[in-house]
Amino acid sequence: MQLDTINNILVWDKKKTERKRETERETERKREREREREREREREREREREREREREMERERERQRDRETERQRDRETE
């Protein structure tokens, strides 16, 4: 009888330990997925910043062309 009780306790403890480990593994997987999502968000923000820099450079080139065109007109009218 005592051996059965001890055996049951050991089995129960083993299951409890395994459930705890599985919970810890699942928690770590969730954390890793969240870290990956955060890395992806950061990459997307960086791509957006790069697109914005490109747009700003294009606007600056356009302003430069406009100024040059204006200078040309001024020279032609003189």
N, C-alpha and C. Protein backbone atom coordinates (compact mmCIF):
# COMPACT_ATOMS: atom_id res chain seq x y z
N MET A 1 0.82 -1.20 0.00
CA MET A 1 0.00 0.00 0.00
C MET A 1 0.86 1.26 0.00
N GLN A 2 1.84 1.28 0.86
CA GLN A 2 2.71 2.45 0.92
C GLN A 2 3.48 2.62 -0.38
N LEU A 3 3.89 1.54 -0.98
CA LEU A 3 4.62 1.64 -2.25
C LEU A 3 3.73 2.24 -3.33
N ASP A 4 2.46 1.85 -3.34
CA ASP A 4 1.54 2.43 -4.32
C ASP A 4 1.40 3.93 -4.10
N THR A 5 1.29 4.31 -2.86
CA THR A 5 1.14 5.73 -2.53
C THR A 5 2.40 6.50 -2.95
N ILE A 6 3.55 5.96 -2.61
CA ILE A 6 4.81 6.60 -2.98
C ILE A 6 4.93 6.68 -4.51
N ASN A 7 4.59 5.59 -5.16
CA ASN A 7 4.65 5.57 -6.61
C ASN A 7 3.71 6.62 -7.21
N ASN A 8 2.51 6.72 -6.68
CA ASN A 8 1.55 7.71 -7.16
C ASN A 8 2.08 9.14 -6.97
N ILE A 9 2.69 9.36 -5.83
CA ILE A 9 3.26 10.68 -5.56
C ILE A 9 4.39 10.98 -6.55
N LEU A 10 5.23 10.00 -6.80
CA LEU A 10 6.33 10.20 -7.75
C LEU A 10 5.80 10.47 -9.17
N VAL A 11 4.81 9.72 -9.56
CA VAL A 11 4.21 9.92 -10.88
C VAL A 11 3.59 11.32 -10.95
N TRP A 12 2.85 11.68 -9.92
CA TRP A 12 2.22 13.00 -9.88
C TRP A 12 3.28 14.10 -9.96
N ASP A 13 4.36 13.94 -9.19
CA ASP A 13 5.43 14.93 -9.18
C ASP A 13 6.11 15.03 -10.55
N LYS A 14 6.32 13.90 -11.17
CA LYS A 14 6.92 13.89 -12.50
C LYS A 14 6.03 14.62 -13.50
N LYS A 15 4.74 14.38 -13.45
CA LYS A 15 3.80 15.06 -14.35
C LYS A 15 3.78 16.56 -14.07
N LYS A 16 3.77 16.89 -12.80
CA LYS A 16 3.77 18.30 -12.43
C LYS A 16 5.02 19.00 -12.96
N THR A 17 6.16 18.35 -12.78
CA THR A 17 7.42 18.91 -13.27
C THR A 17 7.39 19.07 -14.78
N GLU A 18 6.87 18.08 -15.49
CA GLU A 18 6.79 18.17 -16.95
C GLU A 18 5.84 19.29 -17.38
N ARG A 19 4.73 19.44 -16.70
CA ARG A 19 3.81 20.53 -17.03
C ARG A 19 4.49 21.89 -16.81
N LYS A 20 5.23 21.98 -15.74
CA LYS A 20 5.94 23.22 -15.45
C LYS A 20 6.96 23.52 -16.55
N ARG A 21 7.71 22.52 -16.95
CA ARG A 21 8.70 22.71 -18.02
C ARG A 21 8.01 23.12 -19.33
N GLU A 22 6.91 22.46 -19.63
CA GLU A 22 6.18 22.79 -20.86
C GLU A 22 5.66 24.23 -20.80
N THR A 23 5.18 24.63 -19.67
CA THR A 23 4.72 26.01 -19.49
C THR A 23 5.88 26.98 -19.70
N GLU A 24 7.02 26.65 -19.15
CA GLU A 24 8.20 27.51 -19.33
C GLU A 24 8.62 27.57 -20.79
N ARG A 25 8.59 26.43 -21.47
CA ARG A 25 8.95 26.42 -22.90
C ARG A 25 7.96 27.26 -23.71
N GLU A 26 6.68 27.11 -23.41
CA GLU A 26 5.66 27.88 -24.12
C GLU A 26 5.84 29.38 -23.85
N THR A 27 6.13 29.73 -22.63
CA THR A 27 6.38 31.13 -22.29
C THR A 27 7.57 31.66 -23.08
N GLU A 28 8.62 30.87 -23.18
CA GLU A 28 9.80 31.30 -23.94
C GLU A 28 9.47 31.41 -25.43
N ARG A 29 8.69 30.51 -25.96
CA ARG A 29 8.29 30.61 -27.37
C ARG A 29 7.48 31.89 -27.61
N LYS A 30 6.60 32.20 -26.69
CA LYS A 30 5.81 33.44 -26.82
C LYS A 30 6.72 34.66 -26.79
N ARG A 31 7.67 34.65 -25.88
CA ARG A 31 8.61 35.77 -25.81
C ARG A 31 9.40 35.90 -27.11
N GLU A 32 9.84 34.77 -27.63
CA GLU A 32 10.61 34.81 -28.87
C GLU A 32 9.76 35.32 -30.03
N ARG A 33 8.52 34.89 -30.10
CA ARG A 33 7.63 35.39 -31.15
C ARG A 33 7.45 36.90 -31.01
N GLU A 34 7.29 37.36 -29.79
CA GLU A 34 7.13 38.80 -29.57
C GLU A 34 8.40 39.56 -29.95
N ARG A 35 9.55 39.01 -29.61
CA ARG A 35 10.81 39.66 -30.00
C ARG A 35 10.92 39.72 -31.53
N GLU A 36 10.52 38.64 -32.18
CA GLU A 36 10.57 38.63 -33.65
C GLU A 36 9.61 39.66 -34.23
N ARG A 37 8.42 39.76 -33.67
CA ARG A 37 7.48 40.78 -34.15
C ARG A 37 8.06 42.18 -33.95
N GLU A 38 8.69 42.39 -32.82
CA GLU A 38 9.29 43.70 -32.56
C GLU A 38 10.43 43.99 -33.54
N ARG A 39 11.23 42.98 -33.83
CA ARG A 39 12.30 43.18 -34.83
C ARG A 39 11.69 43.52 -36.19
N GLU A 40 10.62 42.85 -36.54
CA GLU A 40 9.96 43.13 -37.83
C GLU A 40 9.38 44.55 -37.84
N ARG A 41 8.79 44.95 -36.74
CA ARG A 41 8.27 46.33 -36.67
C ARG A 41 9.41 47.33 -36.82
N GLU A 42 10.53 47.05 -36.19
CA GLU A 42 11.68 47.95 -36.30
C GLU A 42 12.20 47.99 -37.74
N ARG A 43 12.26 46.85 -38.39
CA ARG A 43 12.69 46.84 -39.80
C ARG A 43 11.72 47.66 -40.65
N GLU A 44 10.44 47.52 -40.37
CA GLU A 44 9.45 48.29 -41.13
C GLU A 44 9.60 49.79 -40.87
N ARG A 45 9.85 50.16 -39.63
CA ARG A 45 10.07 51.59 -39.33
C ARG A 45 11.31 52.09 -40.07
N GLU A 46 12.33 51.27 -40.10
CA GLU A 46 13.55 51.68 -40.80
C GLU A 46 13.29 51.81 -42.30
N ARG A 47 12.54 50.90 -42.87
CA ARG A 47 12.19 51.03 -44.29
C ARG A 47 11.40 52.31 -44.54
N GLU A 48 10.49 52.61 -43.63
CA GLU A 48 9.70 53.84 -43.78
C GLU A 48 10.58 55.08 -43.67
N ARG A 49 11.51 55.06 -42.73
CA ARG A 49 12.44 56.21 -42.63
C ARG A 49 13.26 56.34 -43.92
N GLU A 50 13.68 55.23 -44.46
CA GLU A 50 14.44 55.27 -45.71
C GLU A 50 13.58 55.82 -46.85
N ARG A 51 12.35 55.39 -46.94
CA ARG A 51 11.46 55.92 -47.98
C ARG A 51 11.27 57.43 -47.79
N GLU A 52 11.14 57.84 -46.55
CA GLU A 52 10.97 59.28 -46.28
C GLU A 52 12.23 60.05 -46.67
N ARG A 53 13.39 59.51 -46.40
CA ARG A 53 14.64 60.17 -46.82
C ARG A 53 14.68 60.28 -48.35
N GLU A 54 14.28 59.22 -49.00
CA GLU A 54 14.26 59.25 -50.47
C GLU A 54 13.29 60.31 -50.98
N ARG A 55 12.13 60.37 -50.38
CA ARG A 55 11.15 61.39 -50.80
C ARG A 55 11.71 62.80 -50.56
N GLU A 56 12.34 62.98 -49.43
CA GLU A 56 12.92 64.29 -49.12
C GLU A 56 14.03 64.64 -50.11
N MET A 57 14.84 63.68 -50.44
CA MET A 57 15.89 63.93 -51.42
C MET A 57 15.27 64.29 -52.78
N GLU A 58 14.24 63.61 -53.14
CA GLU A 58 13.56 63.92 -54.40
C GLU A 58 12.96 65.32 -54.37
N ARG A 59 12.35 65.68 -53.26
CA ARG A 59 11.81 67.05 -53.14
C ARG A 59 12.93 68.08 -53.25
N GLU A 60 14.05 67.78 -52.64
CA GLU A 60 15.19 68.71 -52.71
C GLU A 60 15.70 68.82 -54.14
N ARG A 61 15.79 67.71 -54.84
CA ARG A 61 16.21 67.77 -56.25
C ARG A 61 15.22 68.59 -57.07
N GLU A 62 13.95 68.40 -56.77
CA GLU A 62 12.92 69.17 -57.48
C GLU A 62 13.06 70.66 -57.19
N ARG A 63 13.30 71.02 -55.96
CA ARG A 63 13.51 72.44 -55.62
C ARG A 63 14.75 72.98 -56.34
N GLN A 64 15.77 72.15 -56.37
CA GLN A 64 17.00 72.57 -57.05
C GLN A 64 16.73 72.80 -58.54
N ARG A 65 15.99 71.91 -59.16
CA ARG A 65 15.64 72.10 -60.58
C ARG A 65 14.81 73.36 -60.76
N ASP A 66 13.89 73.57 -59.86
CA ASP A 66 13.06 74.78 -59.93
C ASP A 66 13.92 76.05 -59.82
N ARG A 67 14.86 76.04 -58.90
CA ARG A 67 15.74 77.20 -58.75
C ARG A 67 16.58 77.41 -60.01
N GLU A 68 17.08 76.31 -60.53
CA GLU A 68 17.88 76.41 -61.74
C GLU A 68 17.04 76.93 -62.91
N THR A 69 15.85 76.45 -63.02
CA THR A 69 14.93 76.92 -64.07
C THR A 69 14.66 78.41 -63.89
N GLU A 70 14.45 78.82 -62.66
CA GLU A 70 14.20 80.24 -62.37
C GLU A 70 15.42 81.08 -62.74
N ARG A 71 16.60 80.61 -62.44
CA ARG A 71 17.82 81.33 -62.81
C ARG A 71 17.94 81.45 -64.32
N GLN A 72 17.62 80.36 -64.99
CA GLN A 72 17.65 80.39 -66.46
C GLN A 72 16.72 81.46 -67.00
N ARG A 73 15.54 81.51 -66.47
CA ARG A 73 14.56 82.51 -66.91
C ARG A 73 15.08 83.92 -66.64
N ASP A 74 15.65 84.09 -65.45
CA ASP A 74 16.20 85.41 -65.10
C ASP A 74 17.29 85.82 -66.08
N ARG A 75 18.16 84.90 -66.43
CA ARG A 75 19.24 85.20 -67.37
C ARG A 75 18.68 85.53 -68.75
N GLU A 76 17.67 84.80 -69.13
CA GLU A 76 17.08 85.02 -70.46
C GLU A 76 16.37 86.36 -70.54
N THR A 77 15.81 86.80 -69.45
CA THR A 77 15.08 88.07 -69.46
C THR A 77 16.01 89.27 -69.35
N GLU A 78 17.22 89.06 -68.92
CA GLU A 78 18.16 90.18 -68.76
C GLU A 78 18.73 90.64 -70.07
